[in-house]
Amino acid sequence: MTQTATSSANGPLTGIKVLDLSVMISGPLAAMMLADQGADVIKVESPGIGDFMRYLGSAKGGMTGIFVNNNRGKRSLVVDLKSEQGVAVLKKLAETADVVIQNFRPGAVERLGIGYEDLRAVNPNLIYVSISGYGPDGPDSGHRVYDNVIQAASGLASVQTDPRNGEPSLFRTLLCDKVTSLTAAQAISSALYARSAGNAQGQHIVLAMLDAAVSFMWPDSGMDAVLLDDDANRTPTIGQNYGITRLKDGFAAVAVVSDSEFRGLCHTYGRPDLADDERFATMAGRTMNASELVPLMIELSAQQPTDEFVKRAQSFDVPAASVVTLADLPQQPQILNNQVFIEREHPAAGRIREPRPAARFSATPAQAGRLAPSPGQHSDEVVAEVGLDAAALRAAGVIF
């Protein structure tokens, strides 16, 4: 779907102003989701490198794919927050802001004079979000982290342990960063509601990536660990049974839980007799005789062409999907039906493909906002909107 650069003028967060001081993924993605829903998001960067995501990975015209993916819908202000004048600019912006998001290491914003208490003094209604790796205190608080480090510290890497060799592994996606972003965006929406309902004024939201990752993992991966008594009936978690089905010319994910789904799978393989075999006819029987069933399933799967197998499985109401590569994803029929991707022309990056906002609002539609900005693209207009002299600030080396 082709779309022009627009803003979510009627989105659910229209009228909300956000100052995004964060870098990398955990904060910027949260702010981008707010922008997609109509908020006016100002990305505040330091002069020089600014957000390192501007330089990481595939790029064209000085714009990287990962920066585009996490910063659309924002205006860019480059300001020197190490100067008194720069701090004064930020405080002036904070007077009319609704939300501030920052993911500096604990203590850094306080040293700069732009911590929660500093900005609360100029705007008591401000919702201030502090994101860090481990939290504001504790033995690991000051340590530098990236997504993979939190995957290890939160137990997520252990969930990925290979049962064949006992070796843990990492998810090959920035899972903890993105889960933290989702958590932050939801918390911000709740705080905005609490403020509008009169249940609170402004407030400080403190969010550790570690906490977000554990909360994300625990509902299913902790299904055994949640039961503390010794006499609990222990079984593997749902995820421990996950595996890819190797087919004749590809791979698929297949889920068979109920007896009817197993019968459907047997029909898919052309072996309906297996569903009536007393060893496999019930879930308990399949569990007890897994050593006999699994090799048989592997042998039958190896004979199945991927496309034919998936179509037959779905026709017998068996949950199944072939493994789709990122290169093939945009052309998948359901992806096209859902209009998941949009394509636009970026002045620096050229033609780009982005996913639209996932949630579809019937009355206040969200949409991909303005294209990801270049550094300082909107510095003059942002400061002018709050009555400051952009030319003087630029001449003084405060904004860029």
Protein backbone atom coordinates (compact mmCIF):
# COMPACT_ATOMS: atom_id res chain seq x y z
CA MET A 1 0.00 0.00 0.00
CA THR A 2 1.43 3.36 -1.01
CA GLN A 3 0.98 6.22 1.43
CA THR A 4 2.12 9.82 1.52
CA ALA A 5 3.80 11.43 4.53
CA THR A 6 0.97 12.38 6.85
CA SER A 7 0.20 12.81 10.52
CA SER A 8 -2.46 11.06 12.56
CA ALA A 9 -4.50 14.23 12.90
CA ASN A 10 -7.51 12.37 14.27
CA GLY A 11 -5.64 9.69 16.20
CA PRO A 12 -6.56 8.80 19.79
CA LEU A 13 -3.62 10.82 21.18
CA THR A 14 -4.18 13.95 19.11
CA GLY A 15 -3.33 16.98 21.24
CA ILE A 16 -0.72 15.15 23.35
CA LYS A 17 2.83 16.54 23.20
CA VAL A 18 5.77 14.24 23.87
CA LEU A 19 9.44 15.07 24.37
CA ASP A 20 11.48 12.03 23.38
CA LEU A 21 14.96 12.31 24.88
CA SER A 22 15.66 8.61 24.43
CA VAL A 23 18.02 6.79 22.08
CA MET A 24 18.40 3.32 20.57
CA ILE A 25 15.10 1.32 20.69
CA SER A 26 13.45 1.02 24.11
CA GLY A 27 12.36 4.66 24.31
CA PRO A 28 12.20 5.73 20.65
CA LEU A 29 9.88 2.90 19.61
CA ALA A 30 7.49 3.73 22.45
CA ALA A 31 7.47 7.38 21.35
CA MET A 32 6.91 6.35 17.73
CA MET A 33 3.84 4.34 18.72
CA LEU A 34 2.47 7.45 20.44
CA ALA A 35 3.18 9.45 17.28
CA ASP A 36 1.36 6.88 15.16
CA GLN A 37 -1.64 7.44 17.44
CA GLY A 38 -1.61 11.20 16.89
CA ALA A 39 0.77 12.61 19.50
CA ASP A 40 3.11 15.45 18.56
CA VAL A 41 6.48 13.86 19.32
CA ILE A 42 9.64 15.97 19.43
CA LYS A 43 12.83 13.92 19.28
CA VAL A 44 15.43 15.76 21.33
CA GLU A 45 19.01 14.87 20.38
CA SER A 46 22.41 16.06 21.45
CA PRO A 47 24.75 17.69 18.95
CA GLY A 48 27.32 15.37 17.42
CA ILE A 49 26.35 11.71 17.30
CA GLY A 50 22.87 12.11 18.79
CA ASP A 51 20.97 8.84 18.50
CA PHE A 52 23.47 6.13 17.55
CA MET A 53 20.75 4.34 15.58
CA ARG A 54 21.34 6.96 12.89
CA TYR A 55 24.61 5.17 12.09
CA LEU A 56 23.90 1.47 12.68
CA GLY A 57 23.13 -0.97 9.90
CA SER A 58 21.91 -0.63 6.34
CA ALA A 59 21.71 2.97 5.17
CA LYS A 60 21.06 5.24 2.22
CA GLY A 61 21.54 8.98 2.04
CA GLY A 62 22.64 9.12 5.67
CA MET A 63 19.43 7.47 6.92
CA THR A 64 19.49 3.95 8.36
CA GLY A 65 16.70 1.44 8.18
CA ILE A 66 16.65 0.92 11.94
CA PHE A 67 16.33 4.66 12.60
CA VAL A 68 13.45 4.90 10.13
CA ASN A 69 11.75 1.94 11.83
CA ASN A 70 11.78 3.58 15.26
CA ASN A 71 11.44 7.30 14.64
CA ARG A 72 8.72 8.08 12.12
CA GLY A 73 6.11 10.65 13.07
CA LYS A 74 8.59 12.79 15.02
CA ARG A 75 10.07 16.25 14.70
CA SER A 76 13.79 16.60 15.43
CA LEU A 77 15.33 19.17 17.76
CA VAL A 78 19.08 19.15 18.31
CA VAL A 79 19.97 21.06 21.49
CA ASP A 80 23.02 21.15 23.74
CA LEU A 81 21.72 19.91 27.09
CA LYS A 82 25.16 20.26 28.63
CA SER A 83 24.73 24.03 28.51
CA GLU A 84 22.56 26.13 30.83
CA GLN A 85 20.79 27.64 27.85
CA GLY A 86 20.07 24.21 26.43
CA VAL A 87 18.55 23.07 29.70
CA ALA A 88 16.48 26.25 29.76
CA VAL A 89 15.19 25.43 26.27
CA LEU A 90 14.14 21.96 27.38
CA LYS A 91 12.40 23.31 30.46
CA LYS A 92 10.53 25.80 28.30
CA LEU A 93 9.36 22.95 26.08
CA ALA A 94 8.42 20.90 29.14
CA GLU A 95 6.06 23.63 30.34
CA THR A 96 3.61 22.68 27.58
CA ALA A 97 4.50 19.00 27.20
CA ASP A 98 2.41 16.08 28.42
CA VAL A 99 5.06 13.36 28.37
CA VAL A 100 8.84 13.10 28.62
CA ILE A 101 10.64 9.84 27.80
CA GLN A 102 14.30 9.30 28.65
CA ASN A 103 16.52 6.22 28.84
CA PHE A 104 19.78 7.65 30.12
CA ARG A 105 21.67 5.62 32.69
CA PRO A 106 20.38 6.20 36.25
CA GLY A 107 21.53 9.55 37.63
CA ALA A 108 22.48 11.10 34.30
CA VAL A 109 19.41 13.31 33.82
CA GLU A 110 19.59 14.49 37.42
CA ARG A 111 23.18 15.60 36.86
CA LEU A 112 22.08 17.53 33.78
CA GLY A 113 19.26 19.20 35.73
CA ILE A 114 16.47 17.65 33.64
CA GLY A 115 15.32 14.84 35.94
CA TYR A 116 11.72 14.31 37.01
CA GLU A 117 11.82 16.73 39.92
CA ASP A 118 13.50 19.39 37.78
CA LEU A 119 10.83 19.26 35.08
CA ARG A 120 7.98 18.68 37.50
CA ALA A 121 8.84 22.04 38.99
CA VAL A 122 7.91 23.74 35.71
CA ASN A 123 5.00 21.42 34.88
CA PRO A 124 3.31 19.45 37.69
CA ASN A 125 1.09 17.72 35.12
CA LEU A 126 4.02 16.12 33.33
CA ILE A 127 4.18 12.34 32.87
CA TYR A 128 7.88 11.52 33.01
CA VAL A 129 9.14 8.10 31.93
CA SER A 130 12.55 6.82 33.01
CA ILE A 131 13.72 3.67 31.25
CA SER A 132 16.91 1.87 32.26
CA GLY A 133 18.41 -1.57 32.04
CA TYR A 134 18.17 -2.74 35.64
CA GLY A 135 16.33 0.08 37.40
CA PRO A 136 17.34 3.20 39.36
CA ASP A 137 18.97 1.33 42.26
CA GLY A 138 20.29 -2.06 43.29
CA PRO A 139 23.57 -3.91 42.67
CA ASP A 140 23.35 -3.84 38.86
CA SER A 141 21.74 -0.42 38.46
CA GLY A 142 24.66 1.48 36.99
CA HIS A 143 25.80 -1.19 34.55
CA ARG A 144 25.61 -0.58 30.82
CA VAL A 145 23.27 -2.95 29.00
CA TYR A 146 22.00 -3.87 25.57
CA ASP A 147 19.09 -6.09 24.60
CA ASN A 148 21.13 -9.31 24.58
CA VAL A 149 22.42 -8.64 28.09
CA ILE A 150 18.88 -8.34 29.43
CA GLN A 151 17.88 -11.49 27.54
CA ALA A 152 20.51 -13.29 29.60
CA ALA A 153 19.76 -11.57 32.92
CA SER A 154 15.97 -12.01 32.67
CA GLY A 155 16.00 -15.76 31.99
CA LEU A 156 14.83 -15.39 28.40
CA ALA A 157 18.05 -16.90 27.05
CA SER A 158 17.57 -19.92 29.31
CA VAL A 159 14.08 -20.42 27.87
CA GLN A 160 15.81 -20.87 24.51
CA THR A 161 18.05 -23.68 25.77
CA ASP A 162 18.61 -26.39 23.18
CA PRO A 163 17.41 -29.66 24.78
CA ARG A 164 19.95 -31.60 22.71
CA ASN A 165 23.06 -29.97 24.15
CA GLY A 166 21.86 -27.86 27.07
CA GLU A 167 23.16 -24.65 25.49
CA PRO A 168 21.10 -21.46 25.96
CA SER A 169 20.68 -19.10 23.04
CA LEU A 170 19.42 -15.62 22.30
CA PHE A 171 16.35 -14.53 20.38
CA ARG A 172 17.65 -13.04 17.14
CA THR A 173 15.49 -9.98 17.53
CA LEU A 174 15.71 -7.11 20.03
CA LEU A 175 13.00 -8.65 22.14
CA CYS A 176 13.69 -6.92 25.45
CA ASP A 177 14.02 -3.49 23.87
CA LYS A 178 10.69 -3.88 22.06
CA VAL A 179 8.85 -5.38 25.03
CA THR A 180 10.04 -2.43 27.11
CA SER A 181 8.73 -0.06 24.43
CA LEU A 182 5.32 -1.72 24.43
CA THR A 183 5.22 -1.62 28.22
CA ALA A 184 6.19 2.05 28.25
CA ALA A 185 3.57 3.03 25.68
CA GLN A 186 0.83 1.21 27.59
CA ALA A 187 1.93 2.78 30.90
CA ILE A 188 1.94 6.25 29.34
CA SER A 189 -1.59 5.77 28.04
CA SER A 190 -2.71 4.67 31.51
CA ALA A 191 -1.05 7.67 33.13
CA LEU A 192 -2.69 10.01 30.64
CA TYR A 193 -6.06 8.47 31.47
CA ALA A 194 -5.40 8.76 35.22
CA ARG A 195 -4.60 12.43 34.75
CA SER A 196 -7.68 13.13 32.64
CA ALA A 197 -9.91 11.25 35.08
CA GLY A 198 -8.60 13.29 37.99
CA ASN A 199 -7.02 10.27 39.67
CA ALA A 200 -3.55 11.79 39.50
CA GLN A 201 -1.75 14.88 38.35
CA GLY A 202 1.55 14.22 36.64
CA GLN A 203 3.64 11.25 37.71
CA HIS A 204 6.96 9.49 37.33
CA ILE A 205 6.92 6.12 35.54
CA VAL A 206 10.04 4.09 36.33
CA LEU A 207 10.60 1.16 33.99
CA ALA A 208 13.48 -1.33 33.96
CA MET A 209 14.09 -3.44 30.88
CA LEU A 210 14.76 -6.33 33.26
CA ASP A 211 11.33 -5.97 34.86
CA ALA A 212 9.56 -5.69 31.51
CA ALA A 213 11.35 -8.76 30.17
CA VAL A 214 10.51 -10.90 33.22
CA SER A 215 6.88 -9.78 33.15
CA PHE A 216 6.70 -10.65 29.46
CA MET A 217 8.32 -14.06 29.86
CA TRP A 218 6.61 -15.28 33.04
CA PRO A 219 2.96 -15.83 32.00
CA ASP A 220 3.84 -18.96 30.00
CA SER A 221 7.53 -19.71 30.58
CA GLY A 222 6.91 -19.52 34.33
CA MET A 223 3.89 -21.82 34.28
CA ASP A 224 5.83 -24.45 36.22
CA ALA A 225 7.98 -22.10 38.31
CA VAL A 226 4.91 -20.24 39.59
CA LEU A 227 3.85 -23.29 41.63
CA LEU A 228 6.05 -23.42 44.72
CA ASP A 229 4.76 -26.49 46.57
CA ASP A 230 6.71 -29.73 46.18
CA ASP A 231 3.61 -31.80 45.46
CA ALA A 232 2.67 -29.88 42.29
CA ASN A 233 2.21 -32.02 39.17
CA ARG A 234 5.07 -30.89 36.94
CA THR A 235 4.85 -30.82 33.14
CA PRO A 236 6.91 -29.10 30.43
CA THR A 237 5.91 -25.57 29.50
CA ILE A 238 4.07 -24.98 26.24
CA GLY A 239 7.12 -23.40 24.67
CA GLN A 240 9.35 -26.34 25.56
CA ASN A 241 7.39 -28.42 23.08
CA TYR A 242 7.93 -25.93 20.26
CA GLY A 243 9.83 -27.14 17.25
CA ILE A 244 9.97 -26.66 13.51
CA THR A 245 8.63 -29.40 11.25
CA ARG A 246 11.11 -30.25 8.51
CA LEU A 247 9.30 -31.02 5.27
CA LYS A 248 10.47 -32.30 1.89
CA ASP A 249 11.34 -28.86 0.51
CA GLY A 250 10.91 -26.46 3.41
CA PHE A 251 9.79 -25.91 6.98
CA ALA A 252 6.55 -25.32 8.83
CA ALA A 253 5.18 -24.71 12.30
CA VAL A 254 2.42 -27.14 13.29
CA ALA A 255 0.46 -27.21 16.56
CA VAL A 256 -1.44 -30.33 17.56
CA VAL A 257 -2.96 -30.34 21.04
CA SER A 258 -6.43 -31.87 20.93
CA ASP A 259 -7.36 -35.35 19.75
CA SER A 260 -9.31 -33.85 16.84
CA GLU A 261 -6.24 -31.89 15.73
CA PHE A 262 -4.14 -35.06 15.87
CA ARG A 263 -6.72 -36.87 13.77
CA GLY A 264 -6.59 -34.02 11.27
CA LEU A 265 -2.81 -34.29 11.13
CA CYS A 266 -3.04 -38.01 10.46
CA HIS A 267 -5.40 -37.29 7.57
CA THR A 268 -2.95 -34.65 6.32
CA TYR A 269 -0.23 -37.29 6.17
CA GLY A 270 -2.59 -39.74 4.50
CA ARG A 271 -2.43 -41.99 7.54
CA PRO A 272 -5.87 -41.73 9.22
CA ASP A 273 -5.26 -45.14 10.78
CA LEU A 274 -2.77 -43.61 13.22
CA ALA A 275 -5.55 -41.65 14.91
CA ASP A 276 -7.21 -44.92 15.87
CA ASP A 277 -4.01 -46.56 17.11
CA GLU A 278 -4.51 -47.04 20.84
CA ARG A 279 -0.98 -45.83 21.47
CA PHE A 280 -1.74 -42.41 19.96
CA ALA A 281 -5.51 -41.94 20.09
CA THR A 282 -5.44 -39.79 23.24
CA MET A 283 -3.25 -36.96 24.46
CA ALA A 284 -2.10 -39.12 27.38
CA GLY A 285 -1.27 -41.96 25.02
CA ARG A 286 0.71 -39.71 22.69
CA THR A 287 2.68 -38.34 25.61
CA MET A 288 3.40 -41.82 26.97
CA ASN A 289 4.41 -43.18 23.56
CA ALA A 290 6.22 -40.13 22.24
CA SER A 291 9.39 -42.16 21.62
CA GLU A 292 7.48 -44.15 19.02
CA LEU A 293 5.32 -41.34 17.64
CA VAL A 294 7.94 -38.65 17.09
CA PRO A 295 10.22 -40.64 14.73
CA LEU A 296 7.16 -41.67 12.74
CA MET A 297 6.03 -38.06 12.40
CA ILE A 298 9.52 -37.01 11.31
CA GLU A 299 9.54 -39.72 8.65
CA LEU A 300 6.10 -38.77 7.34
CA SER A 301 6.92 -35.04 7.34
CA ALA A 302 10.04 -35.57 5.23
CA GLN A 303 7.83 -36.89 2.44
CA GLN A 304 5.54 -33.85 2.30
CA PRO A 305 5.95 -30.88 -0.10
CA THR A 306 5.57 -27.72 1.95
CA ASP A 307 2.75 -25.94 0.11
CA GLU A 308 0.69 -29.10 -0.26
CA PHE A 309 1.22 -30.05 3.37
CA VAL A 310 0.09 -26.66 4.73
CA LYS A 311 -2.99 -26.55 2.50
CA ARG A 312 -4.01 -30.08 3.50
CA ALA A 313 -3.36 -29.39 7.19
CA GLN A 314 -5.52 -26.28 7.12
CA SER A 315 -8.26 -28.15 5.25
CA PHE A 316 -8.36 -30.61 8.16
CA ASP A 317 -8.43 -27.73 10.69
CA VAL A 318 -4.87 -28.31 11.86
CA PRO A 319 -3.04 -25.10 12.89
CA ALA A 320 -0.10 -24.89 10.46
CA ALA A 321 1.92 -22.33 8.53
CA SER A 322 5.03 -22.54 6.41
CA VAL A 323 8.07 -20.62 7.60
CA VAL A 324 8.07 -17.33 5.70
CA THR A 325 11.26 -15.37 5.10
CA LEU A 326 11.41 -11.60 5.53
CA ALA A 327 12.03 -11.30 1.80
CA ASP A 328 8.79 -13.15 1.01
CA LEU A 329 6.70 -11.66 3.82
CA PRO A 330 5.33 -8.55 2.04
CA GLN A 331 3.79 -10.66 -0.75
CA GLN A 332 1.98 -13.17 1.45
CA PRO A 333 -1.75 -13.16 0.69
CA GLN A 334 -2.86 -12.49 4.27
CA ILE A 335 -0.26 -9.75 4.68
CA LEU A 336 -1.55 -8.13 1.49
CA ASN A 337 -5.15 -8.55 2.64
CA ASN A 338 -4.40 -6.87 5.97
CA GLN A 339 -2.42 -4.11 4.26
CA VAL A 340 0.31 -4.59 6.85
CA PHE A 341 2.98 -2.71 4.91
CA ILE A 342 3.05 0.78 3.47
CA GLU A 343 5.59 2.13 1.02
CA ARG A 344 6.69 5.75 0.89
CA GLU A 345 9.39 7.93 -0.60
CA HIS A 346 11.87 9.28 1.95
CA PRO A 347 13.88 12.32 0.79
CA ALA A 348 17.14 10.78 2.03
CA ALA A 349 16.54 7.04 2.25
CA GLY A 350 14.55 6.72 -0.97
CA ARG A 351 11.79 4.15 -1.26
CA ILE A 352 11.02 2.61 2.15
CA ARG A 353 8.70 -0.11 3.39
CA GLU A 354 7.21 0.10 6.90
CA PRO A 355 4.51 -1.76 8.81
CA ARG A 356 1.44 0.33 9.53
CA PRO A 357 0.34 0.69 13.18
CA ALA A 358 -0.95 -2.75 14.13
CA ALA A 359 -4.03 -1.69 16.11
CA ARG A 360 -6.88 -0.44 13.95
CA PHE A 361 -9.13 2.13 15.66
CA SER A 362 -12.62 2.52 14.18
CA ALA A 363 -13.25 6.09 15.37
CA THR A 364 -9.77 7.55 15.89
CA PRO A 365 -7.58 5.91 13.25
CA ALA A 366 -3.83 5.66 13.76
CA GLN A 367 -1.49 5.85 10.80
CA ALA A 368 2.18 6.14 10.01
CA GLY A 369 3.07 9.76 10.59
CA ARG A 370 5.66 12.03 9.05
CA LEU A 371 8.86 10.46 7.73
CA ALA A 372 11.75 9.92 10.14
CA PRO A 373 13.55 13.28 10.49
CA SER A 374 17.12 14.30 9.79
CA PRO A 375 19.03 15.74 12.79
CA GLY A 376 17.73 19.17 13.75
CA GLN A 377 15.27 19.25 10.85
CA HIS A 378 12.66 20.99 12.99
CA SER A 379 14.82 22.78 15.58
CA ASP A 380 13.80 26.29 14.57
CA GLU A 381 10.05 25.65 14.42
CA VAL A 382 10.00 23.70 17.69
CA VAL A 383 11.64 26.44 19.75
CA ALA A 384 9.71 29.19 17.97
CA GLU A 385 6.44 27.52 18.96
CA VAL A 386 7.22 28.17 22.62
CA GLY A 387 8.23 31.78 22.01
CA LEU A 388 12.02 31.40 21.82
CA ASP A 389 14.30 33.13 19.33
CA ALA A 390 15.56 30.36 17.08
CA ALA A 391 18.11 32.52 15.28
CA ALA A 392 19.67 33.71 18.55
CA LEU A 393 19.80 30.21 19.98
CA ARG A 394 21.39 28.87 16.82
CA ALA A 395 23.94 31.69 16.76
CA ALA A 396 24.82 30.92 20.38
CA GLY A 397 25.38 27.24 19.60
CA VAL A 398 22.47 26.08 21.73
CA ILE A 399 20.36 24.52 18.99
CA PHE A 400 21.53 23.02 15.73
